[in-house]
C-alpha atoms as a PDB file:
ATOM      1  CA  MET A   1      -0.102   0.115   0.263  1.00  0.00           C
ATOM      2  CA  ASN A   2       2.712   2.421   0.192  1.00  0.00           C
ATOM      3  CA  VAL A   3       4.199   1.957  -3.072  1.00  0.00           C
ATOM      4  CA  ASP A   4       0.432   3.288  -4.390  1.00  0.00           C
ATOM      5  CA  LYS A   5       0.310   6.342  -2.579  1.00  0.00           C
ATOM      6  CA  ALA A   6       3.902   6.885  -3.275  1.00  0.00           C
ATOM      7  CA  ILE A   7       2.723   6.881  -7.137  1.00  0.00           C
ATOM      8  CA  ASN A   8      -0.487   8.526  -6.801  1.00  0.00           C
ATOM      9  CA  LYS A   9       1.483  11.580  -4.751  1.00  0.00           C
ATOM     10  CA  ASP A  10       4.245  11.724  -7.397  1.00  0.00           C
ATOM     11  CA  LEU A  11       1.637  11.633 -10.344  1.00  0.00           C
ATOM     12  CA  ILE A  12      -0.538  13.743  -8.159  1.00  0.00           C
ATOM     13  CA  LEU A  13       2.598  16.398  -8.574  1.00  0.00           C
ATOM     14  CA  ARG A  14       2.986  16.258 -11.963  1.00  0.00           C
ATOM     15  CA  GLU A  15      -0.215  16.812 -12.110  1.00  0.00           C
ATOM     16  CA  ARG A  16       0.288  20.466 -10.272  1.00  0.00           C
ATOM     17  CA  LEU A  17       3.206  20.884 -11.764  1.00  0.00           C
ATOM     18  CA  ALA A  18       1.045  20.349 -15.619  1.00  0.00           C
ATOM     19  CA  LEU A  19      -1.319  23.011 -14.207  1.00  0.00           C
ATOM     20  CA  GLN A  20       1.248  25.476 -13.461  1.00  0.00           C
ATOM     21  CA  ARG A  21       2.638  25.390 -16.472  1.00  0.00           C
ATOM     22  CA  THR A  22      -1.055  25.216 -18.039  1.00  0.00           C
ATOM     23  CA  ILE A  23      -2.139  28.685 -15.990  1.00  0.00           C
ATOM     24  CA  LEU A  24       2.166  30.705 -17.091  1.00  0.00           C
ATOM     25  CA  ALA A  25       0.339  29.409 -21.334  1.00  0.00           C
ATOM     26  CA  ASN A  26      -1.848  31.435 -20.853  1.00  0.00           C
ATOM     27  CA  GLN A  27      -0.906  34.231 -18.926  1.00  0.00           C
ATOM     28  CA  SER A  28       2.386  34.226 -21.711  1.00  0.00           C
ATOM     29  CA  THR A  29      -1.127  33.997 -24.497  1.00  0.00           C
ATOM     30  CA  PHE A  30      -2.706  36.582 -22.838  1.00  0.00           C
ATOM     31  CA  LEU A  31       1.138  38.677 -22.273  1.00  0.00           C
ATOM     32  CA  SER A  32       1.286  37.946 -26.605  1.00  0.00           C
ATOM     33  CA  PHE A  33      -1.825  38.941 -27.024  1.00  0.00           C
ATOM     34  CA  LEU A  34      -1.580  43.038 -25.344  1.00  0.00           C
ATOM     35  CA  ARG A  35       1.694  43.129 -26.869  1.00  0.00           C
ATOM     36  CA  THR A  36      -0.169  42.737 -30.817  1.00  0.00           C
ATOM     37  CA  SER A  37      -2.388  45.136 -29.545  1.00  0.00           C
ATOM     38  CA  MET A  38       0.037  47.571 -28.512  1.00  0.00           C
ATOM     39  CA  TYR A  39       2.182  47.373 -31.680  1.00  0.00           C
ATOM     40  CA  PHE A  40      -1.137  48.042 -33.704  1.00  0.00           C
ATOM     41  CA  LEU A  41      -1.759  50.840 -30.917  1.00  0.00           C
ATOM     42  CA  ILE A  42       1.668  52.107 -32.309  1.00  0.00           C
ATOM     43  CA  ALA A  43       0.834  51.986 -35.619  1.00  0.00           C
ATOM     44  CA  GLY A  44      -2.220  54.475 -35.375  1.00  0.00           C
ATOM     45  CA  LEU A  45      -0.143  56.650 -33.339  1.00  0.00           C
ATOM     46  CA  SER A  46       2.366  57.062 -36.194  1.00  0.00           C
ATOM     47  CA  VAL A  47       0.842  56.155 -39.245  1.00  0.00           C
ATOM     48  CA  ARG A  48      -0.433  60.633 -39.578  1.00  0.00           C
ATOM     49  CA  ASN A  49       3.671  61.513 -38.177  1.00  0.00           C
ATOM     50  CA  LEU A  50       4.903  58.958 -40.974  1.00  0.00           C
ATOM     51  CA  LEU A  51       3.081  58.732 -44.492  1.00  0.00           C
ATOM     52  CA  ASN A  52       1.490  61.403 -45.695  1.00  0.00           C
ATOM     53  CA  VAL A  53      -1.622  59.063 -47.111  1.00  0.00           C
ATOM     54  CA  GLU A  54      -4.782  60.501 -48.673  1.00  0.00           C
ATOM     55  CA  ASN A  55      -6.597  59.406 -45.250  1.00  0.00           C
ATOM     56  CA  GLY A  56      -4.892  58.578 -43.079  1.00  0.00           C
ATOM     57  CA  LEU A  57      -6.617  59.506 -40.404  1.00  0.00           C
ATOM     58  CA  TYR A  58      -9.097  56.355 -41.957  1.00  0.00           C
ATOM     59  CA  LEU A  59      -6.172  54.419 -41.451  1.00  0.00           C
ATOM     60  CA  GLU A  60      -4.946  55.264 -37.869  1.00  0.00           C
ATOM     61  CA  ILE A  61      -9.082  55.111 -36.605  1.00  0.00           C
ATOM     62  CA  LEU A  62      -8.594  50.961 -38.604  1.00  0.00           C
ATOM     63  CA  LEU A  63      -5.777  50.680 -36.920  1.00  0.00           C
ATOM     64  CA  PHE A  64      -6.722  52.224 -33.357  1.00  0.00           C
ATOM     65  CA  ALA A  65     -10.153  49.779 -33.809  1.00  0.00           C
ATOM     66  CA  ILE A  66      -7.856  46.803 -34.340  1.00  0.00           C
ATOM     67  CA  SER A  67      -5.764  47.600 -31.277  1.00  0.00           C
ATOM     68  CA  ILE A  68      -9.213  47.012 -29.383  1.00  0.00           C
ATOM     69  CA  VAL A  69     -10.529  44.065 -31.055  1.00  0.00           C
ATOM     70  CA  ILE A  70      -7.200  42.443 -30.163  1.00  0.00           C
ATOM     71  CA  LEU A  71      -6.950  43.214 -26.876  1.00  0.00           C
ATOM     72  CA  ILE A  72     -10.981  42.650 -25.957  1.00  0.00           C
ATOM     73  CA  LEU A  73     -10.169  38.944 -27.707  1.00  0.00           C
ATOM     74  CA  GLY A  74      -7.269  38.401 -25.415  1.00  0.00           C
ATOM     75  CA  ILE A  75      -8.938  39.457 -22.171  1.00  0.00           C
ATOM     76  CA  PHE A  76     -11.626  37.377 -23.224  1.00  0.00           C
ATOM     77  CA  ASN A  77      -9.719  34.279 -24.571  1.00  0.00           C
ATOM     78  CA  PHE A  78      -7.745  35.065 -21.571  1.00  0.00           C
ATOM     79  CA  PHE A  79     -10.950  34.746 -18.929  1.00  0.00           C
ATOM     80  CA  LYS A  80     -12.582  31.927 -20.832  1.00  0.00           C
ATOM     81  CA  HIS A  81      -9.252  29.341 -19.960  1.00  0.00           C
ATOM     82  CA  LYS A  82      -8.920  30.539 -16.572  1.00  0.00           C
ATOM     83  CA  LYS A  83     -12.106  29.237 -16.118  1.00  0.00           C
ATOM     84  CA  SER A  84     -11.608  26.048 -17.578  1.00  0.00           C
ATOM     85  CA  ILE A  85      -8.131  25.673 -15.413  1.00  0.00           C
ATOM     86  CA  ILE A  86      -9.780  26.484 -12.400  1.00  0.00           C
ATOM     87  CA  GLU A  87     -12.754  24.321 -13.421  1.00  0.00           C
ATOM     88  CA  ASN A  88     -10.080  21.522 -14.065  1.00  0.00           C
ATOM     89  CA  GLU A  89      -7.880  21.585 -11.123  1.00  0.00           C
ATOM     90  CA  LYS A  90     -10.855  20.243  -8.525  1.00  0.00           C
ATOM     91  CA  HIS A  91      -9.313  17.015 -10.356  1.00  0.00           C
ATOM     92  CA  ILE A  92      -6.731  16.417  -9.591  1.00  0.00           C
ATOM     93  CA  GLY A  93      -5.809  13.378  -7.995  1.00  0.00           C
ATOM     94  CA  ASP A  94      -9.007  11.931  -8.264  1.00  0.00           C
ATOM     95  CA  TYR A  95      -8.146   9.371 -11.436  1.00  0.00           C
ATOM     96  CA  GLN A  96      -9.042   6.825  -9.281  1.00  0.00           C
ATOM     97  CA  LEU A  97     -12.442   7.379  -8.221  1.00  0.00           C
ATOM     98  CA  ASP A  98     -13.215   5.833 -12.081  1.00  0.00           C
ATOM     99  CA  PHE A  99     -10.202   2.757 -11.187  1.00  0.00           C
ATOM    100  CA  TYR A 100     -12.094   1.834  -8.107  1.00  0.00           C
ATOM    101  CA  THR A 101     -15.149   2.819  -8.374  1.00  0.00           C
ATOM    102  CA  LYS A 102     -16.760   0.955 -10.919  1.00  0.00           C
ATOM    103  CA  GLU A 103     -16.616  -2.782  -8.798  1.00  0.00           C
END
């Protein structure tokens, strides 16, 4: 029975470490969305100063809109995955229930 407890602790540790990696990946993805949004925001801010285009104002507004959409999608994506991670966290260590309750 000691071997079973050691294996169970090892599996739970692996599951917890995998959960931490998933949380960090979610945060990294959000930061990527934020970085991309900032790129579009900076592009929108600098269009009129760097380029002499006919409809520079429309291009600037378009880049601002794209920046806002990317930021909103990033925030939505982050919280959606965060909720999913929290919901699945409760299953850590419960893998044995599937095998021992079916007998």
